Amino acid sequence: MTNWSSFQKGRSALDAETAQRWLDQVSATCSTLNPELIADLFTDDAIADLGEVVVTGKEQLRPLIRQRYSKYTYFDLKKQLRVLSGDLVVCDARLRWTSAEQPRLQHTRAIEILQVRDGRIARWDNAFVSWADTAA
């Protein structure tokens, strides 16, 4: 993962290019669908507010990650940086996916606010909408 320590200790300002590279790494990790690798993206005390559920701590987040990522049969995630301010990264996340329950291509768009500490997600706020592909 991108080394954020120099940015967080004030030695240099985090730039948009570095933040986008970090988001690309996060997307690639999620695309492995490996729940342990995905959980490692978060700090031990991470807070995740996903609208329908709020969890505190990596141990509470781990089962949610397992459940969510185990269902996918196809998964294509892209995150685009929209705002960068200090340790906050705001991105537009776009996901195309299928699952056994939803074999028709699905789309999800999310706006995410990620608070980053030591290169890991310390807080994940996510607002999303999903819909089925309309192509026949």
Protein backbone atom coordinates (compact mmCIF):
# COMPACT_ATOMS: atom_id res chain seq x y z
CA MET A 1 0.00 0.00 0.00
CA THR A 2 0.98 3.63 -0.42
CA ASN A 3 3.09 4.88 2.49
CA TRP A 4 1.11 7.72 4.04
CA SER A 5 3.30 8.28 7.10
CA SER A 6 5.34 11.11 5.56
CA PHE A 7 2.15 12.92 4.56
CA GLN A 8 0.53 12.50 7.95
CA LYS A 9 3.59 13.75 9.81
CA GLY A 10 3.50 16.98 7.82
CA ARG A 11 6.67 16.44 5.80
CA SER A 12 4.78 16.90 2.55
CA ALA A 13 1.24 17.44 1.35
CA LEU A 14 -0.59 14.42 -0.02
CA ASP A 15 -1.26 15.00 -3.69
CA ALA A 16 -4.14 13.81 -5.84
CA GLU A 17 -1.95 11.45 -7.88
CA THR A 18 -0.80 9.58 -4.75
CA ALA A 19 -4.34 9.42 -3.38
CA GLN A 20 -5.63 8.02 -6.69
CA ARG A 21 -2.86 5.39 -6.72
CA TRP A 22 -3.92 4.41 -3.18
CA LEU A 23 -7.57 4.16 -4.30
CA ASP A 24 -6.46 1.96 -7.21
CA GLN A 25 -4.68 -0.31 -4.72
CA VAL A 26 -7.81 -0.45 -2.55
CA SER A 27 -9.92 -1.36 -5.60
CA ALA A 28 -7.44 -4.06 -6.66
CA THR A 29 -7.46 -5.55 -3.16
CA CYS A 30 -11.27 -5.61 -3.07
CA SER A 31 -11.29 -7.22 -6.51
CA THR A 32 -9.42 -10.23 -5.14
CA LEU A 33 -12.62 -11.02 -3.17
CA ASN A 34 -10.31 -12.32 -0.43
CA PRO A 35 -11.94 -11.26 2.87
CA GLU A 36 -8.66 -11.34 4.83
CA LEU A 37 -6.89 -9.06 2.34
CA ILE A 38 -9.89 -6.73 2.29
CA ALA A 39 -10.08 -6.62 6.11
CA ASP A 40 -6.39 -5.68 6.15
CA LEU A 41 -7.32 -2.42 4.37
CA PHE A 42 -8.82 -1.23 7.69
CA THR A 43 -7.34 -0.12 11.00
CA ASP A 44 -8.13 -2.27 14.05
CA ASP A 45 -10.45 0.46 15.38
CA ALA A 46 -12.10 1.29 12.05
CA ILE A 47 -15.67 2.58 11.91
CA ALA A 48 -17.82 1.69 8.91
CA ASP A 49 -21.10 3.54 8.37
CA LEU A 50 -22.81 1.84 5.45
CA GLY A 51 -26.26 3.32 6.02
CA GLU A 52 -28.09 0.14 6.94
CA VAL A 53 -25.40 -0.84 9.44
CA VAL A 54 -22.67 0.86 11.47
CA VAL A 55 -19.83 -1.30 12.79
CA THR A 56 -16.91 -0.43 15.01
CA GLY A 57 -13.62 -2.31 14.90
CA LYS A 58 -12.07 -4.64 12.38
CA GLU A 59 -13.40 -7.71 14.23
CA GLN A 60 -17.00 -6.51 13.78
CA LEU A 61 -16.28 -5.54 10.20
CA ARG A 62 -14.72 -8.89 9.27
CA PRO A 63 -18.01 -10.93 9.14
CA LEU A 64 -19.67 -8.18 7.09
CA ILE A 65 -16.79 -8.28 4.61
CA ARG A 66 -16.95 -12.10 4.44
CA GLN A 67 -20.69 -12.05 3.79
CA ARG A 68 -20.59 -9.23 1.26
CA TYR A 69 -17.63 -10.37 -0.84
CA SER A 70 -18.43 -14.12 -0.81
CA LYS A 71 -21.60 -13.60 -2.86
CA TYR A 72 -20.00 -12.16 -5.98
CA THR A 73 -19.50 -14.22 -9.13
CA TYR A 74 -18.33 -11.18 -11.11
CA PHE A 75 -16.85 -8.02 -9.57
CA ASP A 76 -15.46 -4.94 -11.35
CA LEU A 77 -14.74 -1.95 -9.07
CA LYS A 78 -13.36 1.47 -9.98
CA LYS A 79 -12.82 4.34 -7.52
CA GLN A 80 -12.23 7.90 -8.72
CA LEU A 81 -10.86 10.58 -6.43
CA ARG A 82 -13.22 13.53 -6.07
CA VAL A 83 -11.91 15.43 -3.01
CA LEU A 84 -8.74 15.25 -0.97
CA SER A 85 -8.40 17.16 2.29
CA GLY A 86 -5.82 16.18 4.89
CA ASP A 87 -6.56 12.58 5.87
CA LEU A 88 -9.96 12.53 4.10
CA VAL A 89 -10.35 10.97 0.67
CA VAL A 90 -13.72 11.34 -1.04
CA CYS A 91 -14.30 9.12 -4.03
CA ASP A 92 -16.90 8.09 -6.56
CA ALA A 93 -17.02 4.27 -6.51
CA ARG A 94 -18.59 2.40 -9.41
CA LEU A 95 -19.14 -1.32 -9.26
CA ARG A 96 -20.46 -3.82 -11.81
CA TRP A 97 -21.27 -7.22 -10.33
CA THR A 98 -23.21 -10.46 -10.47
CA SER A 99 -24.00 -13.08 -7.85
CA ALA A 100 -25.82 -16.42 -7.70
CA GLU A 101 -28.90 -14.52 -6.44
CA GLN A 102 -28.48 -11.76 -9.06
CA PRO A 103 -27.11 -13.37 -12.25
CA ARG A 104 -28.13 -10.34 -14.34
CA LEU A 105 -25.43 -7.64 -14.38
CA GLN A 106 -25.93 -5.20 -11.49
CA HIS A 107 -24.51 -1.72 -11.05
CA THR A 108 -23.70 0.12 -7.84
CA ARG A 109 -22.58 3.71 -7.51
CA ALA A 110 -21.34 4.99 -4.18
CA ILE A 111 -19.96 8.15 -2.75
CA GLU A 112 -17.40 7.23 -0.11
CA ILE A 113 -15.68 9.35 2.51
CA LEU A 114 -12.57 7.55 3.70
CA GLN A 115 -10.53 8.73 6.65
CA VAL A 116 -7.04 7.30 6.29
CA ARG A 117 -4.51 6.55 9.01
CA ASP A 118 -1.14 4.93 8.27
CA GLY A 119 -2.34 3.91 4.80
CA ARG A 120 -5.42 2.09 6.13
CA ILE A 121 -9.08 3.07 6.33
CA ALA A 122 -9.95 4.34 9.80
CA ARG A 123 -13.47 5.43 8.89
CA TRP A 124 -15.60 4.39 5.92
CA ASP A 125 -18.79 6.33 5.20
CA ASN A 126 -20.67 4.97 2.21
CA ALA A 127 -23.89 6.08 0.51
CA PHE A 128 -24.88 3.98 -2.49
CA VAL A 129 -27.57 3.08 -4.97
CA SER A 130 -27.80 -0.14 -7.01
CA TRP A 131 -29.75 -1.12 -10.11
CA ALA A 132 -29.95 -3.96 -12.64
CA ASP A 133 -28.53 -3.67 -16.12
CA THR A 134 -31.24 -2.64 -18.59
CA ALA A 135 -29.58 -4.20 -21.64
CA ALA A 136 -31.45 -7.25 -22.88
